Amino acid sequence: MAIQQCLVIIKPDGLVKSLTGNIISVLSETKLKIVGAKVVKVSRELAENHYSELKQKKPEIFEETINYITGKYHTDRVLALVYHGEDAISKIRELAGATNPEMADPISIRGKYGRINSKTKVFENVIHASDSEESAKKEIQLWFSPSELTEIIYPTKTEFSNTSKLVWA
């Protein structure tokens, strides 16, 4: 068992359907600690950086996925959370369920609340969860600055200009 971090994003459809409380309640079963949380208006740049691997692996769905996360279909906001604790990634992904909501266990978050949009073919699966320690680190450092977390989970350094600021090392 390893101490891990996991980025969780409650996606635009989750916010529009008022599922944030339900999702956080389910995730509380993991007994993990939330060390970061914020509402984010997702820019195209942030979305493209987050989904950079998708552009190579599945270019046919890249643009619709960017439209989905940046709010073209629902809202342009998401709730981003960082969970920290023992086996965080596997615990959260088990509760989240399969990426495809039709393949997800019906009692999982995606199984209960997700759908495939028949017009766009986008998996509106209400939640993102990091799938590996490497992805978690990349994603957390993309979505959060060190000062937005209640614990230092990765190495940091102090940059000095007119004011000093903690940044990812």
N, C-alpha and C. Protein backbone atom coordinates (compact mmCIF):
# COMPACT_ATOMS: atom_id res chain seq x y z
N MET A 1 0.84 -1.18 0.00
CA MET A 1 0.00 0.00 0.00
C MET A 1 0.88 1.24 0.00
N ALA A 2 0.51 2.19 -0.85
CA ALA A 2 1.31 3.40 -1.01
C ALA A 2 0.46 4.64 -0.77
N ILE A 3 1.10 5.66 -0.25
CA ILE A 3 0.44 6.96 -0.12
C ILE A 3 0.47 7.59 -1.49
N GLN A 4 -0.70 7.98 -1.98
CA GLN A 4 -0.83 8.54 -3.32
C GLN A 4 -1.72 9.78 -3.28
N GLN A 5 -1.67 10.49 -4.38
CA GLN A 5 -2.58 11.60 -4.63
C GLN A 5 -3.41 11.25 -5.85
N CYS A 6 -4.58 11.84 -5.95
CA CYS A 6 -5.44 11.62 -7.11
C CYS A 6 -6.21 12.90 -7.39
N LEU A 7 -6.14 13.36 -8.62
CA LEU A 7 -6.96 14.49 -9.02
C LEU A 7 -8.35 13.98 -9.38
N VAL A 8 -9.35 14.61 -8.83
CA VAL A 8 -10.74 14.31 -9.17
C VAL A 8 -11.33 15.60 -9.71
N ILE A 9 -12.00 15.50 -10.84
CA ILE A 9 -12.71 16.64 -11.40
C ILE A 9 -14.17 16.26 -11.52
N ILE A 10 -15.03 17.02 -10.88
CA ILE A 10 -16.46 16.86 -11.12
C ILE A 10 -16.75 17.75 -12.33
N LYS A 11 -17.09 17.10 -13.42
CA LYS A 11 -17.17 17.74 -14.73
C LYS A 11 -18.43 18.61 -14.87
N PRO A 12 -18.51 19.38 -15.96
CA PRO A 12 -19.64 20.31 -16.12
C PRO A 12 -21.02 19.67 -15.96
N ASP A 13 -21.22 18.47 -16.49
CA ASP A 13 -22.54 17.83 -16.37
C ASP A 13 -22.84 17.47 -14.92
N GLY A 14 -21.81 17.15 -14.15
CA GLY A 14 -21.99 16.88 -12.72
C GLY A 14 -22.43 18.12 -11.96
N LEU A 15 -21.88 19.28 -12.34
CA LEU A 15 -22.28 20.53 -11.70
C LEU A 15 -23.69 20.93 -12.10
N VAL A 16 -24.00 20.82 -13.38
CA VAL A 16 -25.34 21.21 -13.86
C VAL A 16 -26.42 20.34 -13.23
N LYS A 17 -26.12 19.07 -13.01
CA LYS A 17 -27.09 18.14 -12.41
C LYS A 17 -27.07 18.19 -10.88
N SER A 18 -26.30 19.13 -10.30
CA SER A 18 -26.18 19.28 -8.84
C SER A 18 -25.75 17.99 -8.15
N LEU A 19 -24.75 17.33 -8.71
CA LEU A 19 -24.29 16.05 -8.18
C LEU A 19 -23.05 16.18 -7.29
N THR A 20 -22.54 17.38 -7.08
CA THR A 20 -21.30 17.52 -6.32
C THR A 20 -21.40 16.89 -4.94
N GLY A 21 -22.46 17.16 -4.21
CA GLY A 21 -22.63 16.59 -2.88
C GLY A 21 -22.71 15.08 -2.91
N ASN A 22 -23.47 14.54 -3.86
CA ASN A 22 -23.60 13.09 -3.99
C ASN A 22 -22.25 12.44 -4.27
N ILE A 23 -21.50 13.04 -5.19
CA ILE A 23 -20.21 12.47 -5.58
C ILE A 23 -19.22 12.54 -4.42
N ILE A 24 -19.14 13.68 -3.76
CA ILE A 24 -18.22 13.82 -2.63
C ILE A 24 -18.62 12.85 -1.50
N SER A 25 -19.90 12.65 -1.30
CA SER A 25 -20.35 11.69 -0.27
C SER A 25 -19.88 10.28 -0.60
N VAL A 26 -20.01 9.89 -1.86
CA VAL A 26 -19.54 8.55 -2.26
C VAL A 26 -18.03 8.45 -2.06
N LEU A 27 -17.30 9.48 -2.48
CA LEU A 27 -15.84 9.44 -2.36
C LEU A 27 -15.38 9.47 -0.91
N SER A 28 -16.22 9.95 -0.01
CA SER A 28 -15.84 9.97 1.41
C SER A 28 -15.71 8.56 1.97
N GLU A 29 -16.30 7.58 1.30
CA GLU A 29 -16.18 6.18 1.72
C GLU A 29 -14.72 5.72 1.69
N THR A 30 -13.88 6.38 0.91
CA THR A 30 -12.47 5.99 0.79
C THR A 30 -11.66 6.34 2.03
N LYS A 31 -12.19 7.24 2.86
CA LYS A 31 -11.48 7.73 4.05
C LYS A 31 -10.19 8.48 3.69
N LEU A 32 -10.11 8.98 2.45
CA LEU A 32 -8.97 9.78 2.01
C LEU A 32 -9.16 11.22 2.45
N LYS A 33 -8.06 11.95 2.48
CA LYS A 33 -8.09 13.35 2.88
C LYS A 33 -8.15 14.25 1.64
N ILE A 34 -9.03 15.25 1.65
CA ILE A 34 -9.04 16.26 0.59
C ILE A 34 -7.99 17.30 0.98
N VAL A 35 -6.99 17.50 0.10
CA VAL A 35 -5.94 18.47 0.39
C VAL A 35 -5.99 19.68 -0.55
N GLY A 36 -6.95 19.67 -1.46
CA GLY A 36 -7.14 20.80 -2.36
C GLY A 36 -8.51 20.73 -2.98
N ALA A 37 -9.14 21.90 -3.14
CA ALA A 37 -10.46 21.95 -3.79
C ALA A 37 -10.68 23.36 -4.31
N LYS A 38 -11.21 23.44 -5.53
CA LYS A 38 -11.55 24.75 -6.09
C LYS A 38 -12.46 24.59 -7.30
N VAL A 39 -13.26 25.62 -7.52
CA VAL A 39 -14.07 25.68 -8.72
C VAL A 39 -13.21 26.36 -9.78
N VAL A 40 -13.16 25.76 -10.97
CA VAL A 40 -12.30 26.27 -12.04
C VAL A 40 -13.13 26.53 -13.29
N LYS A 41 -12.95 27.71 -13.86
CA LYS A 41 -13.49 27.98 -15.19
C LYS A 41 -12.45 27.44 -16.17
N VAL A 42 -12.81 26.42 -16.93
CA VAL A 42 -11.83 25.69 -17.74
C VAL A 42 -11.58 26.41 -19.07
N SER A 43 -10.34 26.85 -19.25
CA SER A 43 -9.94 27.48 -20.51
C SER A 43 -9.61 26.39 -21.52
N ARG A 44 -9.59 26.77 -22.77
CA ARG A 44 -9.21 25.82 -23.82
C ARG A 44 -7.77 25.34 -23.60
N GLU A 45 -6.89 26.24 -23.21
CA GLU A 45 -5.49 25.88 -22.96
C GLU A 45 -5.38 24.83 -21.85
N LEU A 46 -6.08 25.04 -20.75
CA LEU A 46 -6.06 24.07 -19.66
C LEU A 46 -6.61 22.72 -20.13
N ALA A 47 -7.71 22.76 -20.85
CA ALA A 47 -8.33 21.52 -21.35
C ALA A 47 -7.39 20.78 -22.29
N GLU A 48 -6.76 21.49 -23.21
CA GLU A 48 -5.84 20.85 -24.15
C GLU A 48 -4.63 20.26 -23.44
N ASN A 49 -4.12 20.94 -22.43
CA ASN A 49 -3.00 20.40 -21.66
C ASN A 49 -3.44 19.15 -20.89
N HIS A 50 -4.62 19.20 -20.30
CA HIS A 50 -5.12 18.06 -19.54
C HIS A 50 -5.33 16.83 -20.43
N TYR A 51 -5.87 17.05 -21.62
CA TYR A 51 -6.19 15.95 -22.53
C TYR A 51 -5.14 15.78 -23.63
N SER A 52 -3.90 16.18 -23.40
CA SER A 52 -2.87 16.11 -24.44
C SER A 52 -2.65 14.70 -24.96
N GLU A 53 -2.72 13.69 -24.09
CA GLU A 53 -2.54 12.31 -24.55
C GLU A 53 -3.70 11.85 -25.43
N LEU A 54 -4.89 12.34 -25.15
CA LEU A 54 -6.07 11.96 -25.94
C LEU A 54 -5.92 12.43 -27.39
N LYS A 55 -5.29 13.57 -27.57
CA LYS A 55 -5.10 14.11 -28.93
C LYS A 55 -4.32 13.12 -29.79
N GLN A 56 -3.34 12.42 -29.19
CA GLN A 56 -2.57 11.43 -29.94
C GLN A 56 -3.30 10.09 -30.04
N LYS A 57 -3.88 9.63 -28.91
CA LYS A 57 -4.48 8.30 -28.86
C LYS A 57 -5.83 8.21 -29.56
N LYS A 58 -6.66 9.23 -29.41
CA LYS A 58 -8.01 9.21 -30.00
C LYS A 58 -8.36 10.58 -30.57
N PRO A 59 -7.67 10.97 -31.64
CA PRO A 59 -7.90 12.31 -32.20
C PRO A 59 -9.34 12.55 -32.66
N GLU A 60 -10.05 11.47 -32.97
CA GLU A 60 -11.44 11.60 -33.46
C GLU A 60 -12.41 12.13 -32.39
N ILE A 61 -12.04 11.98 -31.11
CA ILE A 61 -12.94 12.48 -30.06
C ILE A 61 -12.34 13.66 -29.29
N PHE A 62 -11.15 14.09 -29.68
CA PHE A 62 -10.46 15.14 -28.95
C PHE A 62 -11.27 16.44 -28.91
N GLU A 63 -11.70 16.92 -30.05
CA GLU A 63 -12.38 18.23 -30.11
C GLU A 63 -13.69 18.23 -29.31
N GLU A 64 -14.47 17.16 -29.42
CA GLU A 64 -15.72 17.09 -28.65
C GLU A 64 -15.44 17.02 -27.15
N THR A 65 -14.37 16.34 -26.77
CA THR A 65 -14.00 16.25 -25.35
C THR A 65 -13.60 17.63 -24.83
N ILE A 66 -12.86 18.38 -25.63
CA ILE A 66 -12.48 19.75 -25.24
C ILE A 66 -13.74 20.61 -25.11
N ASN A 67 -14.65 20.49 -26.06
CA ASN A 67 -15.91 21.25 -25.99
C ASN A 67 -16.68 20.91 -24.73
N TYR A 68 -16.71 19.64 -24.38
CA TYR A 68 -17.43 19.17 -23.19
C TYR A 68 -16.84 19.76 -21.90
N ILE A 69 -15.54 19.64 -21.72
CA ILE A 69 -14.92 20.07 -20.46
C ILE A 69 -14.86 21.60 -20.35
N THR A 70 -14.84 22.30 -21.49
CA THR A 70 -14.81 23.76 -21.44
C THR A 70 -16.20 24.38 -21.39
N GLY A 71 -17.21 23.54 -21.38
CA GLY A 71 -18.56 24.05 -21.12
C GLY A 71 -19.45 24.34 -22.30
N LYS A 72 -19.10 23.86 -23.47
CA LYS A 72 -19.94 24.14 -24.63
C LYS A 72 -21.34 23.52 -24.48
N TYR A 73 -21.47 22.43 -23.74
CA TYR A 73 -22.75 21.73 -23.62
C TYR A 73 -23.48 21.99 -22.31
N HIS A 74 -22.75 22.37 -21.26
CA HIS A 74 -23.39 22.50 -19.94
C HIS A 74 -23.01 23.82 -19.27
N THR A 75 -21.87 23.86 -18.66
CA THR A 75 -21.33 25.04 -18.00
C THR A 75 -19.82 25.00 -18.17
N ASP A 76 -19.18 26.15 -18.03
CA ASP A 76 -17.73 26.20 -18.23
C ASP A 76 -16.96 26.04 -16.93
N ARG A 77 -17.62 25.49 -15.91
CA ARG A 77 -16.96 25.32 -14.62
C ARG A 77 -16.92 23.85 -14.21
N VAL A 78 -15.88 23.53 -13.45
CA VAL A 78 -15.75 22.20 -12.86
C VAL A 78 -15.32 22.39 -11.41
N LEU A 79 -15.46 21.33 -10.62
CA LEU A 79 -14.92 21.31 -9.27
C LEU A 79 -13.72 20.38 -9.28
N ALA A 80 -12.54 20.93 -9.01
CA ALA A 80 -11.31 20.14 -8.98
C ALA A 80 -10.93 19.87 -7.54
N LEU A 81 -10.59 18.60 -7.25
CA LEU A 81 -10.24 18.18 -5.90
C LEU A 81 -8.97 17.35 -5.94
N VAL A 82 -8.17 17.45 -4.90
CA VAL A 82 -7.01 16.58 -4.75
C VAL A 82 -7.23 15.74 -3.50
N TYR A 83 -7.25 14.43 -3.71
CA TYR A 83 -7.37 13.47 -2.60
C TYR A 83 -5.99 12.91 -2.31
N HIS A 84 -5.73 12.62 -1.03
CA HIS A 84 -4.42 12.17 -0.59
C HIS A 84 -4.59 11.05 0.43
N GLY A 85 -3.86 9.96 0.24
CA GLY A 85 -3.90 8.89 1.22
C GLY A 85 -3.51 7.55 0.62
N GLU A 86 -3.71 6.51 1.39
CA GLU A 86 -3.32 5.15 1.01
C GLU A 86 -4.12 4.66 -0.21
N ASP A 87 -3.40 4.28 -1.24
CA ASP A 87 -4.01 3.73 -2.47
C ASP A 87 -5.13 4.61 -3.02
N ALA A 88 -4.91 5.91 -3.00
CA ALA A 88 -5.93 6.88 -3.41
C ALA A 88 -6.47 6.60 -4.81
N ILE A 89 -5.58 6.30 -5.74
CA ILE A 89 -6.00 6.16 -7.14
C ILE A 89 -6.94 4.97 -7.32
N SER A 90 -6.56 3.80 -6.84
CA SER A 90 -7.42 2.62 -7.03
C SER A 90 -8.72 2.75 -6.26
N LYS A 91 -8.69 3.33 -5.07
CA LYS A 91 -9.92 3.50 -4.29
C LYS A 91 -10.91 4.41 -5.01
N ILE A 92 -10.41 5.52 -5.52
CA ILE A 92 -11.30 6.47 -6.20
C ILE A 92 -11.78 5.92 -7.53
N ARG A 93 -10.89 5.31 -8.29
CA ARG A 93 -11.30 4.78 -9.60
C ARG A 93 -12.31 3.65 -9.48
N GLU A 94 -12.22 2.87 -8.42
CA GLU A 94 -13.20 1.81 -8.21
C GLU A 94 -14.59 2.42 -7.99
N LEU A 95 -14.68 3.47 -7.20
CA LEU A 95 -15.97 4.12 -6.95
C LEU A 95 -16.45 4.89 -8.17
N ALA A 96 -15.51 5.43 -8.96
CA ALA A 96 -15.88 6.18 -10.16
C ALA A 96 -16.51 5.28 -11.22
N GLY A 97 -15.96 4.09 -11.41
CA GLY A 97 -16.47 3.18 -12.43
C GLY A 97 -15.78 3.38 -13.77
N ALA A 98 -16.14 2.57 -14.73
CA ALA A 98 -15.53 2.61 -16.07
C ALA A 98 -15.80 3.95 -16.74
N THR A 99 -14.85 4.38 -17.57
CA THR A 99 -14.96 5.66 -18.28
C THR A 99 -16.24 5.73 -19.10
N ASN A 100 -16.56 4.63 -19.80
CA ASN A 100 -17.79 4.56 -20.58
C ASN A 100 -18.94 4.29 -19.61
N PRO A 101 -19.86 5.23 -19.45
CA PRO A 101 -20.94 5.05 -18.47
C PRO A 101 -21.81 3.82 -18.74
N GLU A 102 -21.92 3.40 -19.99
CA GLU A 102 -22.72 2.21 -20.31
C GLU A 102 -22.03 0.93 -19.85
N MET A 103 -20.70 0.98 -19.69
CA MET A 103 -19.94 -0.19 -19.25
C MET A 103 -19.67 -0.16 -17.74
N ALA A 104 -19.96 0.97 -17.12
CA ALA A 104 -19.67 1.14 -15.70
C ALA A 104 -20.66 0.36 -14.84
N ASP A 105 -20.19 -0.14 -13.72
CA ASP A 105 -21.05 -0.80 -12.74
C ASP A 105 -22.18 0.16 -12.40
N PRO A 106 -23.42 -0.30 -12.43
CA PRO A 106 -24.56 0.60 -12.19
C PRO A 106 -24.54 1.32 -10.84
N ILE A 107 -23.80 0.77 -9.86
CA ILE A 107 -23.75 1.47 -8.58
C ILE A 107 -22.54 2.40 -8.46
N SER A 108 -21.70 2.45 -9.49
CA SER A 108 -20.56 3.38 -9.50
C SER A 108 -21.08 4.79 -9.83
N ILE A 109 -20.24 5.78 -9.61
CA ILE A 109 -20.62 7.16 -9.90
C ILE A 109 -20.98 7.33 -11.37
N ARG A 110 -20.14 6.83 -12.26
CA ARG A 110 -20.41 6.96 -13.70
C ARG A 110 -21.59 6.10 -14.14
N GLY A 111 -21.74 4.94 -13.51
CA GLY A 111 -22.88 4.08 -13.83
C GLY A 111 -24.20 4.70 -13.44
N LYS A 112 -24.23 5.38 -12.30
CA LYS A 112 -25.46 6.03 -11.82
C LYS A 112 -25.78 7.31 -12.58
N TYR A 113 -24.77 8.13 -12.81
CA TYR A 113 -25.03 9.50 -13.27
C TYR A 113 -24.56 9.81 -14.69
N GLY A 114 -23.78 8.93 -15.30
CA GLY A 114 -23.22 9.22 -16.62
C GLY A 114 -24.16 8.85 -17.76
N ARG A 115 -23.82 9.33 -18.95
CA ARG A 115 -24.55 8.99 -20.16
C ARG A 115 -23.64 9.24 -21.36
N ILE A 116 -24.01 8.66 -22.48
CA ILE A 116 -23.32 8.99 -23.72
C ILE A 116 -24.25 9.93 -24.48
N ASN A 117 -23.75 11.11 -24.77
CA ASN A 117 -24.54 12.11 -25.48
C ASN A 117 -24.75 11.62 -26.91
N SER A 118 -25.99 11.39 -27.31
CA SER A 118 -26.27 10.82 -28.63
C SER A 118 -25.91 11.77 -29.77
N LYS A 119 -25.89 13.07 -29.53
CA LYS A 119 -25.54 14.03 -30.58
C LYS A 119 -24.03 14.11 -30.78
N THR A 120 -23.28 14.19 -29.68
CA THR A 120 -21.85 14.41 -29.78
C THR A 120 -21.03 13.13 -29.64
N LYS A 121 -21.65 12.08 -29.12
CA LYS A 121 -20.97 10.80 -28.82
C LYS A 121 -19.95 10.94 -27.68
N VAL A 122 -20.01 12.04 -26.94
CA VAL A 122 -19.11 12.26 -25.81
C VAL A 122 -19.61 11.47 -24.61
N PHE A 123 -18.67 10.86 -23.89
CA PHE A 123 -19.00 10.21 -22.63
C PHE A 123 -19.19 11.30 -21.59
N GLU A 124 -20.43 11.63 -21.26
CA GLU A 124 -20.70 12.58 -20.18
C GLU A 124 -20.71 11.75 -18.90
N ASN A 125 -19.52 11.58 -18.34
CA ASN A 125 -19.36 10.63 -17.24
C ASN A 125 -19.16 11.31 -15.88
N VAL A 126 -19.49 12.55 -15.76
CA VAL A 126 -19.57 13.39 -14.56
C VAL A 126 -18.30 13.52 -13.73
N ILE A 127 -17.31 12.65 -13.91
CA ILE A 127 -16.14 12.70 -13.04
C ILE A 127 -14.88 12.25 -13.79
N HIS A 128 -13.79 12.90 -13.45
CA HIS A 128 -12.47 12.46 -13.90
C HIS A 128 -11.70 12.02 -12.66
N ALA A 129 -10.92 10.97 -12.78
CA ALA A 129 -10.03 10.53 -11.71
C ALA A 129 -8.71 10.09 -12.32
N SER A 130 -7.61 10.58 -11.80
CA SER A 130 -6.28 10.20 -12.30
C SER A 130 -6.15 8.68 -12.35
N ASP A 131 -5.46 8.19 -13.39
CA ASP A 131 -5.37 6.73 -13.56
C ASP A 131 -4.02 6.14 -13.15
N SER A 132 -3.06 6.97 -12.79
CA SER A 132 -1.74 6.47 -12.36
C SER A 132 -1.07 7.56 -11.53
N GLU A 133 0.00 7.17 -10.83
CA GLU A 133 0.73 8.16 -10.03
C GLU A 133 1.35 9.23 -10.94
N GLU A 134 1.83 8.81 -12.11
CA GLU A 134 2.43 9.77 -13.05
C GLU A 134 1.38 10.76 -13.55
N SER A 135 0.21 10.24 -13.93
CA SER A 135 -0.88 11.12 -14.39
C SER A 135 -1.33 12.05 -13.27
N ALA A 136 -1.44 11.51 -12.07
CA ALA A 136 -1.88 12.32 -10.93
C ALA A 136 -0.94 13.50 -10.72
N LYS A 137 0.36 13.24 -10.74
CA LYS A 137 1.34 14.32 -10.53
C LYS A 137 1.21 15.38 -11.62
N LYS A 138 1.17 14.94 -12.87
CA LYS A 138 1.05 15.87 -14.00
C LYS A 138 -0.24 16.68 -13.88
N GLU A 139 -1.35 16.02 -13.60
CA GLU A 139 -2.64 16.69 -13.55
C GLU A 139 -2.76 17.63 -12.36
N ILE A 140 -2.31 17.19 -11.20
CA ILE A 140 -2.40 18.04 -10.00
C ILE A 140 -1.55 19.30 -10.21
N GLN A 141 -0.35 19.14 -10.76
CA GLN A 141 0.51 20.29 -10.98
C GLN A 141 -0.02 21.20 -12.09
N LEU A 142 -0.84 20.68 -12.97
CA LEU A 142 -1.48 21.49 -14.00
C LEU A 142 -2.65 22.30 -13.41
N TRP A 143 -3.44 21.67 -12.57
CA TRP A 143 -4.66 22.28 -12.05
C TRP A 143 -4.47 23.10 -10.77
N PHE A 144 -3.42 22.82 -10.00
CA PHE A 144 -3.21 23.48 -8.71
C PHE A 144 -1.79 24.01 -8.59
N SER A 145 -1.64 25.13 -7.90
CA SER A 145 -0.31 25.60 -7.49
C SER A 145 -0.06 25.04 -6.09
N PRO A 146 1.20 24.96 -5.66
CA PRO A 146 1.48 24.43 -4.33
C PRO A 146 0.74 25.16 -3.22
N SER A 147 0.57 26.47 -3.36
CA SER A 147 -0.08 27.26 -2.31
C SER A 147 -1.58 26.98 -2.20
N GLU A 148 -2.15 26.30 -3.18
CA GLU A 148 -3.58 25.97 -3.14
C GLU A 148 -3.85 24.64 -2.44
N LEU A 149 -2.79 23.95 -2.02
CA LEU A 149 -2.95 22.67 -1.34
C LEU A 149 -2.60 22.83 0.14
N THR A 150 -3.27 22.06 0.96
CA THR A 150 -3.03 22.15 2.40
C THR A 150 -1.81 21.35 2.85
N GLU A 151 -1.27 20.52 1.97
CA GLU A 151 -0.06 19.77 2.27
C GLU A 151 0.87 19.83 1.07
N ILE A 152 2.17 19.81 1.33
CA ILE A 152 3.14 19.75 0.23
C ILE A 152 3.28 18.28 -0.15
N ILE A 153 2.81 17.95 -1.35
CA ILE A 153 2.79 16.55 -1.77
C ILE A 153 3.85 16.24 -2.83
N TYR A 154 4.42 17.28 -3.43
CA TYR A 154 5.50 17.13 -4.40
C TYR A 154 6.57 18.18 -4.07
N PRO A 155 7.79 17.97 -4.52
CA PRO A 155 8.84 18.96 -4.25
C PRO A 155 8.46 20.34 -4.79
N THR A 156 8.82 21.36 -4.03
CA THR A 156 8.55 22.75 -4.44
C THR A 156 9.84 23.55 -4.32
N LYS A 157 9.80 24.75 -4.86
CA LYS A 157 10.90 25.70 -4.71
C LYS A 157 10.28 27.08 -4.58
N THR A 158 11.05 28.02 -4.09
CA THR A 158 10.57 29.39 -3.96
C THR A 158 11.18 30.23 -5.05
N GLU A 159 10.33 30.95 -5.78
CA GLU A 159 10.81 31.86 -6.81
C GLU A 159 10.71 33.28 -6.27
N PHE A 160 11.72 34.07 -6.56
CA PHE A 160 11.72 35.45 -6.10
C PHE A 160 11.64 36.38 -7.30
N SER A 161 10.73 37.32 -7.24
CA SER A 161 10.69 38.44 -8.18
C SER A 161 10.39 39.63 -7.28
N ASN A 162 9.32 40.35 -7.53
CA ASN A 162 8.92 41.40 -6.58
C ASN A 162 8.40 40.78 -5.30
N THR A 163 7.76 39.64 -5.45
CA THR A 163 7.27 38.91 -4.28
C THR A 163 7.70 37.46 -4.44
N SER A 164 7.83 36.76 -3.34
CA SER A 164 8.19 35.36 -3.46
C SER A 164 6.91 34.52 -3.59
N LYS A 165 7.03 33.43 -4.29
CA LYS A 165 5.87 32.59 -4.55
C LYS A 165 6.34 31.14 -4.63
N LEU A 166 5.57 30.25 -4.04
CA LEU A 166 5.88 28.82 -4.08
C LEU A 166 5.40 28.25 -5.41
N VAL A 167 6.26 27.53 -6.11
CA VAL A 167 5.91 26.93 -7.39
C VAL A 167 6.37 25.48 -7.40
N TRP A 168 5.89 24.71 -8.36
CA TRP A 168 6.32 23.31 -8.50
C TRP A 168 7.77 23.29 -8.93
N ALA A 169 8.56 22.44 -8.34
CA ALA A 169 9.99 22.33 -8.65
C ALA A 169 10.19 21.59 -9.97
